[in-house]
Amino acid sequence: MTLRRPIKFCRECGHAVAYRIPDDGDTRERAVCPQCSTIHYENPLNVVGTIPVMPDGRVLLCKRNIEPRWGKWTLPAGFMELNETTAQGAARETDEEAGAQIRMGRLFSLVNVPHVGQVHLFYCAELLSAQFNPGFETIEARLFTEAEIPWEELAFRTVSTTLRQWFDDRRRGVIDQGQVHCIDLA
């Protein structure tokens, strides 16, 4: 069950839509405009972020200054914007939320979260400085060793799952081998 509000009006003509299976061979119920026949598709949102790491292995986390989960810790991440790649979006979010200088690395994890209609993509990122300038969405940006991470205070399961996988890969010495972890969260 997704948390988004259903479409009520046609984006083309403004008429009230009806939810039904379109007559074009589709098999899913869609918002269809009875006036102009426009079919409105609802697609997942992409959340993009980074796992910013110092050379000594400490990871940067941001304490949220916005809902949902105000005051909880997270990796810098947010919704991808139009006209940017997933990597560009992840770098932008890292700058906006933490004011961190990074060198972008490879895609590390792709986390499917179908019950909220989202796909989360996290990239490895090398921190170039331990100086941060958090934006308005962040109360505090701080570095943590694995032992220091406030696991019970993490904002999202996608973040804890990604961090646990990153630390596990690091312990096994496979962090730089390029495997992308595809994870499905129910």
N, C-alpha and C. Protein backbone atom coordinates (compact mmCIF):
# COMPACT_ATOMS: atom_id res chain seq x y z
N MET A 1 0.85 -1.18 0.00
CA MET A 1 0.00 0.00 0.00
C MET A 1 0.89 1.24 0.00
N THR A 2 0.74 2.07 -0.98
CA THR A 2 1.55 3.27 -1.10
C THR A 2 0.94 4.42 -0.31
N LEU A 3 1.78 5.34 0.11
CA LEU A 3 1.34 6.44 0.96
C LEU A 3 0.90 7.67 0.17
N ARG A 4 1.01 7.61 -1.17
CA ARG A 4 0.65 8.77 -1.97
C ARG A 4 -0.85 8.94 -2.10
N ARG A 5 -1.26 10.19 -2.26
CA ARG A 5 -2.68 10.47 -2.49
C ARG A 5 -3.05 10.10 -3.92
N PRO A 6 -4.23 9.58 -4.11
CA PRO A 6 -4.63 9.20 -5.47
C PRO A 6 -4.83 10.44 -6.34
N ILE A 7 -4.65 10.24 -7.63
CA ILE A 7 -4.89 11.30 -8.60
C ILE A 7 -6.39 11.54 -8.65
N LYS A 8 -6.82 12.81 -8.60
CA LYS A 8 -8.25 13.13 -8.63
C LYS A 8 -8.68 13.81 -9.92
N PHE A 9 -7.76 14.59 -10.49
CA PHE A 9 -8.11 15.36 -11.68
C PHE A 9 -7.08 15.16 -12.78
N CYS A 10 -7.54 15.22 -14.01
CA CYS A 10 -6.69 15.06 -15.18
C CYS A 10 -5.71 16.22 -15.29
N ARG A 11 -4.44 15.88 -15.51
CA ARG A 11 -3.42 16.93 -15.68
C ARG A 11 -3.52 17.61 -17.05
N GLU A 12 -4.24 16.99 -17.98
CA GLU A 12 -4.38 17.55 -19.31
C GLU A 12 -5.57 18.51 -19.43
N CYS A 13 -6.73 18.10 -18.91
CA CYS A 13 -7.93 18.93 -19.11
C CYS A 13 -8.62 19.35 -17.81
N GLY A 14 -8.22 18.79 -16.68
CA GLY A 14 -8.79 19.19 -15.40
C GLY A 14 -10.05 18.45 -14.99
N HIS A 15 -10.54 17.56 -15.83
CA HIS A 15 -11.75 16.80 -15.52
C HIS A 15 -11.44 15.77 -14.42
N ALA A 16 -12.44 15.40 -13.62
CA ALA A 16 -12.27 14.35 -12.60
C ALA A 16 -11.96 13.03 -13.30
N VAL A 17 -10.98 12.29 -12.75
CA VAL A 17 -10.61 11.00 -13.34
C VAL A 17 -11.43 9.89 -12.71
N ALA A 18 -11.43 8.75 -13.37
CA ALA A 18 -12.04 7.54 -12.83
C ALA A 18 -10.96 6.47 -12.80
N TYR A 19 -10.93 5.67 -11.76
CA TYR A 19 -9.96 4.57 -11.69
C TYR A 19 -10.58 3.33 -12.32
N ARG A 20 -9.89 2.83 -13.35
CA ARG A 20 -10.35 1.62 -14.05
C ARG A 20 -9.18 1.06 -14.85
N ILE A 21 -9.36 -0.13 -15.35
CA ILE A 21 -8.36 -0.72 -16.23
C ILE A 21 -8.57 -0.13 -17.62
N PRO A 22 -7.54 0.51 -18.19
CA PRO A 22 -7.70 1.12 -19.52
C PRO A 22 -8.02 0.08 -20.59
N ASP A 23 -8.58 0.57 -21.69
CA ASP A 23 -8.98 -0.30 -22.80
C ASP A 23 -7.83 -0.57 -23.77
N ASP A 24 -6.59 -0.33 -23.37
CA ASP A 24 -5.45 -0.47 -24.28
C ASP A 24 -4.67 -1.76 -24.05
N GLY A 25 -5.25 -2.71 -23.30
CA GLY A 25 -4.56 -3.96 -23.03
C GLY A 25 -3.82 -3.96 -21.70
N ASP A 26 -3.82 -2.85 -21.00
CA ASP A 26 -3.18 -2.76 -19.68
C ASP A 26 -3.88 -3.74 -18.73
N THR A 27 -3.20 -4.12 -17.68
CA THR A 27 -3.79 -5.05 -16.72
C THR A 27 -3.94 -4.45 -15.33
N ARG A 28 -3.57 -3.18 -15.18
CA ARG A 28 -3.65 -2.52 -13.88
C ARG A 28 -4.66 -1.39 -13.92
N GLU A 29 -5.26 -1.17 -12.77
CA GLU A 29 -6.18 -0.04 -12.64
C GLU A 29 -5.37 1.25 -12.67
N ARG A 30 -5.83 2.20 -13.45
CA ARG A 30 -5.15 3.49 -13.61
C ARG A 30 -6.16 4.62 -13.46
N ALA A 31 -5.65 5.83 -13.25
CA ALA A 31 -6.50 7.02 -13.28
C ALA A 31 -6.69 7.37 -14.75
N VAL A 32 -7.92 7.29 -15.23
CA VAL A 32 -8.24 7.55 -16.65
C VAL A 32 -9.22 8.70 -16.71
N CYS A 33 -8.95 9.64 -17.60
CA CYS A 33 -9.86 10.77 -17.76
C CYS A 33 -10.99 10.38 -18.72
N PRO A 34 -12.24 10.41 -18.25
CA PRO A 34 -13.35 10.08 -19.14
C PRO A 34 -13.62 11.17 -20.18
N GLN A 35 -13.07 12.36 -19.97
CA GLN A 35 -13.28 13.49 -20.89
C GLN A 35 -12.32 13.42 -22.08
N CYS A 36 -10.98 13.31 -21.80
CA CYS A 36 -10.00 13.37 -22.89
C CYS A 36 -9.25 12.04 -23.09
N SER A 37 -9.57 11.04 -22.28
CA SER A 37 -9.00 9.69 -22.39
C SER A 37 -7.53 9.58 -21.98
N THR A 38 -6.99 10.60 -21.35
CA THR A 38 -5.61 10.52 -20.89
C THR A 38 -5.51 9.49 -19.76
N ILE A 39 -4.49 8.65 -19.86
CA ILE A 39 -4.20 7.66 -18.82
C ILE A 39 -3.07 8.22 -17.98
N HIS A 40 -3.28 8.27 -16.68
CA HIS A 40 -2.26 8.80 -15.76
C HIS A 40 -1.59 7.65 -15.04
N TYR A 41 -0.28 7.53 -15.25
CA TYR A 41 0.50 6.46 -14.63
C TYR A 41 1.15 6.99 -13.36
N GLU A 42 1.19 6.16 -12.33
CA GLU A 42 1.85 6.51 -11.09
C GLU A 42 3.07 5.61 -10.97
N ASN A 43 4.24 6.24 -10.90
CA ASN A 43 5.49 5.50 -10.89
C ASN A 43 6.25 5.75 -9.58
N PRO A 44 7.17 4.82 -9.24
CA PRO A 44 7.92 4.99 -8.01
C PRO A 44 8.81 6.23 -8.04
N LEU A 45 9.08 6.75 -6.86
CA LEU A 45 10.01 7.86 -6.71
C LEU A 45 11.40 7.31 -6.44
N ASN A 46 12.41 7.98 -6.97
CA ASN A 46 13.79 7.60 -6.73
C ASN A 46 14.38 8.45 -5.61
N VAL A 47 14.92 7.79 -4.61
CA VAL A 47 15.65 8.46 -3.53
C VAL A 47 17.13 8.15 -3.78
N VAL A 48 17.95 9.20 -3.82
CA VAL A 48 19.37 9.02 -4.13
C VAL A 48 20.22 9.61 -3.00
N GLY A 49 21.31 8.94 -2.69
CA GLY A 49 22.16 9.42 -1.62
C GLY A 49 23.55 8.81 -1.68
N THR A 50 24.34 9.14 -0.68
CA THR A 50 25.71 8.65 -0.63
C THR A 50 26.01 8.01 0.72
N ILE A 51 27.08 7.23 0.71
CA ILE A 51 27.71 6.72 1.92
C ILE A 51 29.06 7.45 1.97
N PRO A 52 29.09 8.66 2.57
CA PRO A 52 30.32 9.45 2.58
C PRO A 52 31.27 8.94 3.67
N VAL A 53 32.49 8.59 3.26
CA VAL A 53 33.43 7.94 4.16
C VAL A 53 34.78 8.65 4.14
N MET A 54 35.34 8.83 5.34
CA MET A 54 36.71 9.34 5.48
C MET A 54 37.68 8.19 5.20
N PRO A 55 38.93 8.49 4.86
CA PRO A 55 39.91 7.42 4.61
C PRO A 55 40.07 6.46 5.79
N ASP A 56 39.81 6.93 7.01
CA ASP A 56 39.95 6.05 8.19
C ASP A 56 38.71 5.18 8.41
N GLY A 57 37.70 5.28 7.53
CA GLY A 57 36.52 4.43 7.62
C GLY A 57 35.34 5.03 8.35
N ARG A 58 35.48 6.22 8.92
CA ARG A 58 34.33 6.85 9.57
C ARG A 58 33.33 7.31 8.51
N VAL A 59 32.05 7.15 8.85
CA VAL A 59 30.96 7.46 7.92
C VAL A 59 30.25 8.72 8.40
N LEU A 60 29.87 9.56 7.44
CA LEU A 60 29.14 10.79 7.74
C LEU A 60 27.64 10.50 7.80
N LEU A 61 27.02 10.91 8.91
CA LEU A 61 25.57 10.83 9.05
C LEU A 61 25.03 12.22 9.34
N CYS A 62 23.78 12.44 8.97
CA CYS A 62 23.12 13.72 9.18
C CYS A 62 21.92 13.50 10.11
N LYS A 63 21.77 14.40 11.08
CA LYS A 63 20.61 14.36 11.98
C LYS A 63 19.52 15.22 11.35
N ARG A 64 18.37 14.62 11.10
CA ARG A 64 17.30 15.26 10.35
C ARG A 64 16.65 16.41 11.10
N ASN A 65 16.46 17.52 10.37
CA ASN A 65 15.76 18.70 10.89
C ASN A 65 14.39 18.85 10.23
N ILE A 66 13.93 17.78 9.57
CA ILE A 66 12.64 17.79 8.88
C ILE A 66 11.92 16.46 9.15
N GLU A 67 10.62 16.49 8.96
CA GLU A 67 9.84 15.26 9.01
C GLU A 67 9.90 14.61 7.63
N PRO A 68 9.75 13.34 7.51
CA PRO A 68 9.49 12.43 8.62
C PRO A 68 10.75 12.11 9.40
N ARG A 69 10.56 11.70 10.60
CA ARG A 69 11.61 11.24 11.50
C ARG A 69 12.59 12.33 11.89
N TRP A 70 12.03 13.47 12.26
CA TRP A 70 12.84 14.59 12.76
C TRP A 70 13.71 14.09 13.91
N GLY A 71 14.97 14.53 13.93
CA GLY A 71 15.89 14.20 15.02
C GLY A 71 16.57 12.85 14.91
N LYS A 72 16.25 12.09 13.88
CA LYS A 72 16.89 10.78 13.66
C LYS A 72 18.06 10.95 12.69
N TRP A 73 18.95 10.00 12.70
CA TRP A 73 20.16 10.04 11.87
C TRP A 73 19.93 9.33 10.54
N THR A 74 20.59 9.82 9.50
CA THR A 74 20.46 9.23 8.17
C THR A 74 21.70 9.51 7.34
N LEU A 75 21.86 8.76 6.29
CA LEU A 75 22.84 9.12 5.27
C LEU A 75 22.27 10.29 4.49
N PRO A 76 23.14 11.15 3.93
CA PRO A 76 22.59 12.24 3.12
C PRO A 76 21.93 11.68 1.86
N ALA A 77 20.64 11.98 1.72
CA ALA A 77 19.87 11.44 0.60
C ALA A 77 18.57 12.21 0.47
N GLY A 78 17.98 12.11 -0.69
CA GLY A 78 16.69 12.75 -0.93
C GLY A 78 16.18 12.39 -2.30
N PHE A 79 15.08 13.00 -2.67
CA PHE A 79 14.44 12.67 -3.94
C PHE A 79 15.24 13.21 -5.13
N MET A 80 15.38 12.37 -6.12
CA MET A 80 16.03 12.74 -7.37
C MET A 80 15.16 13.78 -8.07
N GLU A 81 15.80 14.74 -8.69
CA GLU A 81 15.12 15.80 -9.44
C GLU A 81 15.15 15.47 -10.93
N LEU A 82 14.26 16.11 -11.68
CA LEU A 82 14.30 16.00 -13.13
C LEU A 82 15.59 16.62 -13.64
N ASN A 83 16.04 16.16 -14.78
CA ASN A 83 17.23 16.68 -15.46
C ASN A 83 18.52 16.46 -14.70
N GLU A 84 18.58 15.40 -13.89
CA GLU A 84 19.84 15.02 -13.26
C GLU A 84 19.94 13.49 -13.26
N THR A 85 21.17 13.00 -13.26
CA THR A 85 21.39 11.57 -13.15
C THR A 85 21.27 11.17 -11.68
N THR A 86 21.20 9.88 -11.43
CA THR A 86 21.14 9.44 -10.03
C THR A 86 22.39 9.87 -9.27
N ALA A 87 23.56 9.79 -9.90
CA ALA A 87 24.80 10.20 -9.24
C ALA A 87 24.81 11.71 -8.99
N GLN A 88 24.35 12.49 -9.94
CA GLN A 88 24.28 13.94 -9.73
C GLN A 88 23.33 14.28 -8.59
N GLY A 89 22.21 13.60 -8.53
CA GLY A 89 21.26 13.83 -7.45
C GLY A 89 21.85 13.46 -6.10
N ALA A 90 22.55 12.35 -6.03
CA ALA A 90 23.18 11.93 -4.78
C ALA A 90 24.22 12.94 -4.32
N ALA A 91 25.01 13.45 -5.26
CA ALA A 91 26.02 14.47 -4.92
C ALA A 91 25.34 15.76 -4.46
N ARG A 92 24.26 16.16 -5.14
CA ARG A 92 23.54 17.37 -4.76
C ARG A 92 22.97 17.23 -3.35
N GLU A 93 22.34 16.10 -3.07
CA GLU A 93 21.77 15.88 -1.74
C GLU A 93 22.84 15.90 -0.65
N THR A 94 24.01 15.35 -0.95
CA THR A 94 25.11 15.35 0.02
C THR A 94 25.58 16.76 0.30
N ASP A 95 25.63 17.59 -0.73
CA ASP A 95 26.00 18.99 -0.55
C ASP A 95 24.91 19.74 0.21
N GLU A 96 23.64 19.56 -0.19
CA GLU A 96 22.54 20.28 0.47
C GLU A 96 22.38 19.90 1.94
N GLU A 97 22.48 18.63 2.24
CA GLU A 97 22.21 18.19 3.61
C GLU A 97 23.41 18.28 4.53
N ALA A 98 24.61 18.04 4.01
CA ALA A 98 25.79 18.01 4.87
C ALA A 98 26.81 19.10 4.57
N GLY A 99 26.73 19.70 3.38
CA GLY A 99 27.76 20.65 2.99
C GLY A 99 29.12 19.97 2.92
N ALA A 100 29.11 18.70 2.51
CA ALA A 100 30.34 17.90 2.47
C ALA A 100 30.97 17.93 1.09
N GLN A 101 32.29 17.99 1.08
CA GLN A 101 33.04 17.91 -0.17
C GLN A 101 33.37 16.44 -0.40
N ILE A 102 32.94 15.89 -1.54
CA ILE A 102 33.12 14.46 -1.80
C ILE A 102 33.67 14.20 -3.19
N ARG A 103 34.19 13.01 -3.35
CA ARG A 103 34.52 12.46 -4.66
C ARG A 103 33.57 11.28 -4.83
N MET A 104 32.70 11.37 -5.81
CA MET A 104 31.69 10.33 -6.03
C MET A 104 32.35 9.03 -6.45
N GLY A 105 31.83 7.96 -5.92
CA GLY A 105 32.27 6.62 -6.29
C GLY A 105 31.17 5.88 -7.02
N ARG A 106 31.22 4.59 -6.91
CA ARG A 106 30.32 3.71 -7.65
C ARG A 106 28.99 3.53 -6.91
N LEU A 107 28.01 3.05 -7.63
CA LEU A 107 26.74 2.68 -7.02
C LEU A 107 26.99 1.50 -6.09
N PHE A 108 26.51 1.61 -4.85
CA PHE A 108 26.72 0.55 -3.86
C PHE A 108 25.47 -0.29 -3.65
N SER A 109 24.32 0.37 -3.47
CA SER A 109 23.11 -0.40 -3.21
C SER A 109 21.91 0.19 -3.93
N LEU A 110 21.02 -0.71 -4.29
CA LEU A 110 19.73 -0.36 -4.88
C LEU A 110 18.71 -1.07 -4.01
N VAL A 111 17.87 -0.28 -3.34
CA VAL A 111 16.93 -0.84 -2.38
C VAL A 111 15.51 -0.57 -2.86
N ASN A 112 14.78 -1.64 -3.16
CA ASN A 112 13.39 -1.52 -3.58
C ASN A 112 12.50 -1.45 -2.34
N VAL A 113 11.65 -0.43 -2.29
CA VAL A 113 10.72 -0.25 -1.17
C VAL A 113 9.32 -0.11 -1.76
N PRO A 114 8.76 -1.22 -2.27
CA PRO A 114 7.50 -1.13 -3.00
C PRO A 114 6.31 -0.66 -2.17
N HIS A 115 6.31 -0.92 -0.87
CA HIS A 115 5.15 -0.54 -0.06
C HIS A 115 4.99 0.98 0.08
N VAL A 116 6.03 1.75 -0.24
CA VAL A 116 5.91 3.21 -0.26
C VAL A 116 6.19 3.78 -1.64
N GLY A 117 6.32 2.90 -2.65
CA GLY A 117 6.51 3.36 -4.02
C GLY A 117 7.83 4.08 -4.24
N GLN A 118 8.92 3.54 -3.68
CA GLN A 118 10.23 4.18 -3.80
C GLN A 118 11.31 3.17 -4.16
N VAL A 119 12.37 3.69 -4.79
CA VAL A 119 13.60 2.95 -5.03
C VAL A 119 14.72 3.83 -4.49
N HIS A 120 15.55 3.29 -3.59
CA HIS A 120 16.65 4.05 -2.98
C HIS A 120 17.97 3.58 -3.58
N LEU A 121 18.79 4.53 -4.04
CA LEU A 121 20.09 4.22 -4.62
C LEU A 121 21.17 4.96 -3.82
N PHE A 122 22.13 4.21 -3.29
CA PHE A 122 23.21 4.81 -2.50
C PHE A 122 24.54 4.57 -3.20
N TYR A 123 25.32 5.65 -3.30
CA TYR A 123 26.64 5.63 -3.93
C TYR A 123 27.72 5.72 -2.87
N CYS A 124 28.84 5.05 -3.12
CA CYS A 124 30.02 5.25 -2.30
C CYS A 124 30.53 6.66 -2.58
N ALA A 125 31.07 7.32 -1.55
CA ALA A 125 31.64 8.66 -1.74
C ALA A 125 32.80 8.83 -0.78
N GLU A 126 33.89 9.36 -1.29
CA GLU A 126 35.06 9.64 -0.47
C GLU A 126 34.98 11.08 0.03
N LEU A 127 35.03 11.25 1.33
CA LEU A 127 35.03 12.60 1.90
C LEU A 127 36.41 13.22 1.69
N LEU A 128 36.44 14.44 1.17
CA LEU A 128 37.69 15.13 0.91
C LEU A 128 38.09 16.04 2.06
N SER A 129 37.18 16.21 3.03
CA SER A 129 37.44 17.07 4.18
C SER A 129 36.52 16.63 5.31
N ALA A 130 36.95 16.90 6.54
CA ALA A 130 36.11 16.61 7.71
C ALA A 130 35.35 17.86 8.14
N GLN A 131 35.34 18.88 7.30
CA GLN A 131 34.59 20.11 7.56
C GLN A 131 33.26 20.03 6.83
N PHE A 132 32.16 20.30 7.57
CA PHE A 132 30.83 20.21 6.99
C PHE A 132 30.08 21.51 7.21
N ASN A 133 29.15 21.79 6.32
CA ASN A 133 28.33 22.98 6.42
C ASN A 133 26.88 22.56 6.15
N PRO A 134 26.22 21.96 7.16
CA PRO A 134 24.88 21.42 6.96
C PRO A 134 23.87 22.48 6.53
N GLY A 135 22.94 22.06 5.67
CA GLY A 135 21.85 22.92 5.23
C GLY A 135 20.70 22.89 6.22
N PHE A 136 19.60 23.54 5.86
CA PHE A 136 18.46 23.69 6.77
C PHE A 136 17.77 22.37 7.11
N GLU A 137 17.94 21.34 6.29
CA GLU A 137 17.30 20.05 6.56
C GLU A 137 18.05 19.22 7.60
N THR A 138 19.22 19.72 8.03
CA THR A 138 20.09 18.95 8.92
C THR A 138 20.40 19.72 10.20
N ILE A 139 20.18 19.06 11.34
CA ILE A 139 20.53 19.64 12.63
C ILE A 139 22.02 19.57 12.84
N GLU A 140 22.61 18.42 12.49
CA GLU A 140 24.03 18.17 12.74
C GLU A 140 24.53 17.15 11.74
N ALA A 141 25.76 17.34 11.27
CA ALA A 141 26.45 16.37 10.42
C ALA A 141 27.69 15.92 11.19
N ARG A 142 27.83 14.58 11.35
CA ARG A 142 28.91 14.09 12.20
C ARG A 142 29.46 12.77 11.66
N LEU A 143 30.73 12.52 11.94
CA LEU A 143 31.39 11.29 11.54
C LEU A 143 31.25 10.23 12.64
N PHE A 144 31.05 8.97 12.21
CA PHE A 144 30.88 7.86 13.14
C PHE A 144 31.71 6.66 12.70
N THR A 145 32.33 5.99 13.67
CA THR A 145 32.86 4.65 13.40
C THR A 145 31.67 3.70 13.45
N GLU A 146 31.89 2.47 13.02
CA GLU A 146 30.79 1.50 13.06
C GLU A 146 30.28 1.33 14.49
N ALA A 147 31.17 1.27 15.45
CA ALA A 147 30.77 1.07 16.85
C ALA A 147 30.00 2.26 17.41
N GLU A 148 30.21 3.44 16.86
CA GLU A 148 29.56 4.65 17.37
C GLU A 148 28.21 4.95 16.73
N ILE A 149 27.89 4.29 15.64
CA ILE A 149 26.64 4.59 14.93
C ILE A 149 25.45 4.33 15.85
N PRO A 150 24.55 5.31 15.96
CA PRO A 150 23.36 5.13 16.79
C PRO A 150 22.30 4.31 16.04
N TRP A 151 22.53 2.99 15.96
CA TRP A 151 21.70 2.11 15.14
C TRP A 151 20.22 2.24 15.45
N GLU A 152 19.89 2.41 16.71
CA GLU A 152 18.48 2.51 17.10
C GLU A 152 17.88 3.88 16.78
N GLU A 153 18.73 4.82 16.43
CA GLU A 153 18.27 6.18 16.12
C GLU A 153 18.36 6.50 14.63
N LEU A 154 18.54 5.49 13.79
CA LEU A 154 18.57 5.72 12.35
C LEU A 154 17.14 5.92 11.84
N ALA A 155 16.99 6.86 10.92
CA ALA A 155 15.67 7.27 10.46
C ALA A 155 14.97 6.23 9.59
N PHE A 156 15.72 5.51 8.77
CA PHE A 156 15.09 4.65 7.77
C PHE A 156 15.75 3.29 7.69
N ARG A 157 14.94 2.29 7.43
CA ARG A 157 15.46 0.92 7.29
C ARG A 157 16.39 0.80 6.09
N THR A 158 16.15 1.56 5.04
CA THR A 158 17.03 1.52 3.87
C THR A 158 18.44 1.95 4.25
N VAL A 159 18.53 2.92 5.16
CA VAL A 159 19.84 3.42 5.61
C VAL A 159 20.54 2.38 6.47
N SER A 160 19.84 1.81 7.43
CA SER A 160 20.49 0.81 8.29
C SER A 160 20.90 -0.42 7.49
N THR A 161 20.06 -0.85 6.55
CA THR A 161 20.39 -2.01 5.72
C THR A 161 21.62 -1.73 4.87
N THR A 162 21.67 -0.55 4.26
CA THR A 162 22.81 -0.17 3.42
C THR A 162 24.08 -0.06 4.26
N LEU A 163 24.01 0.58 5.42
CA LEU A 163 25.19 0.72 6.28
C LEU A 163 25.70 -0.63 6.75
N ARG A 164 24.80 -1.51 7.17
CA ARG A 164 25.24 -2.83 7.63
C ARG A 164 25.94 -3.59 6.51
N GLN A 165 25.42 -3.47 5.28
CA GLN A 165 26.06 -4.14 4.14
C GLN A 165 27.42 -3.52 3.85
N TRP A 166 27.51 -2.18 3.94
CA TRP A 166 28.78 -1.51 3.67
C TRP A 166 29.84 -1.94 4.68
N PHE A 167 29.50 -1.94 5.96
CA PHE A 167 30.47 -2.34 6.98
C PHE A 167 30.83 -3.83 6.84
N ASP A 168 29.88 -4.67 6.47
CA ASP A 168 30.17 -6.08 6.25
C ASP A 168 31.14 -6.24 5.08
N ASP A 169 30.89 -5.55 3.98
CA ASP A 169 31.80 -5.61 2.82
C ASP A 169 33.19 -5.10 3.20
N ARG A 170 33.24 -4.04 4.00
CA ARG A 170 34.53 -3.48 4.42
C ARG A 170 35.32 -4.48 5.26
N ARG A 171 34.64 -5.15 6.19
CA ARG A 171 35.31 -6.16 7.02
C ARG A 171 35.84 -7.31 6.17
N ARG A 172 35.09 -7.69 5.14
CA ARG A 172 35.49 -8.80 4.27
C ARG A 172 36.49 -8.37 3.20
N GLY A 173 36.79 -7.05 3.14
CA GLY A 173 37.76 -6.55 2.16
C GLY A 173 37.25 -6.53 0.74
N VAL A 174 35.94 -6.45 0.54
CA VAL A 174 35.38 -6.47 -0.82
C VAL A 174 34.69 -5.16 -1.19
N ILE A 175 34.91 -4.12 -0.40
CA ILE A 175 34.22 -2.85 -0.63
C ILE A 175 34.53 -2.27 -2.02
N ASP A 176 35.71 -2.51 -2.54
CA ASP A 176 36.11 -1.92 -3.82
C ASP A 176 35.95 -2.88 -4.99
N GLN A 177 35.25 -3.97 -4.81
CA GLN A 177 35.11 -4.94 -5.88
C GLN A 177 33.94 -4.67 -6.81
N GLY A 178 33.18 -3.63 -6.52
CA GLY A 178 32.17 -3.18 -7.47
C GLY A 178 30.83 -3.87 -7.43
N GLN A 179 30.57 -4.73 -6.46
CA GLN A 179 29.26 -5.38 -6.40
C GLN A 179 28.20 -4.38 -5.98
N VAL A 180 27.11 -4.35 -6.74
CA VAL A 180 25.95 -3.55 -6.36
C VAL A 180 24.99 -4.47 -5.63
N HIS A 181 24.59 -4.07 -4.43
CA HIS A 181 23.69 -4.87 -3.61
C HIS A 181 22.25 -4.49 -3.94
N CYS A 182 21.50 -5.42 -4.49
CA CYS A 182 20.09 -5.21 -4.78
C CYS A 182 19.28 -5.81 -3.64
N ILE A 183 18.52 -4.97 -2.95
CA ILE A 183 17.82 -5.38 -1.74
C ILE A 183 16.34 -5.06 -1.89
N ASP A 184 15.50 -5.99 -1.53
CA ASP A 184 14.05 -5.78 -1.53
C ASP A 184 13.57 -5.70 -0.09
N LEU A 185 12.95 -4.58 0.28
CA LEU A 185 12.39 -4.44 1.62
C LEU A 185 10.87 -4.51 1.50
N ALA A 186 10.28 -5.38 2.26
CA ALA A 186 8.82 -5.54 2.24
C ALA A 186 8.18 -4.53 3.16
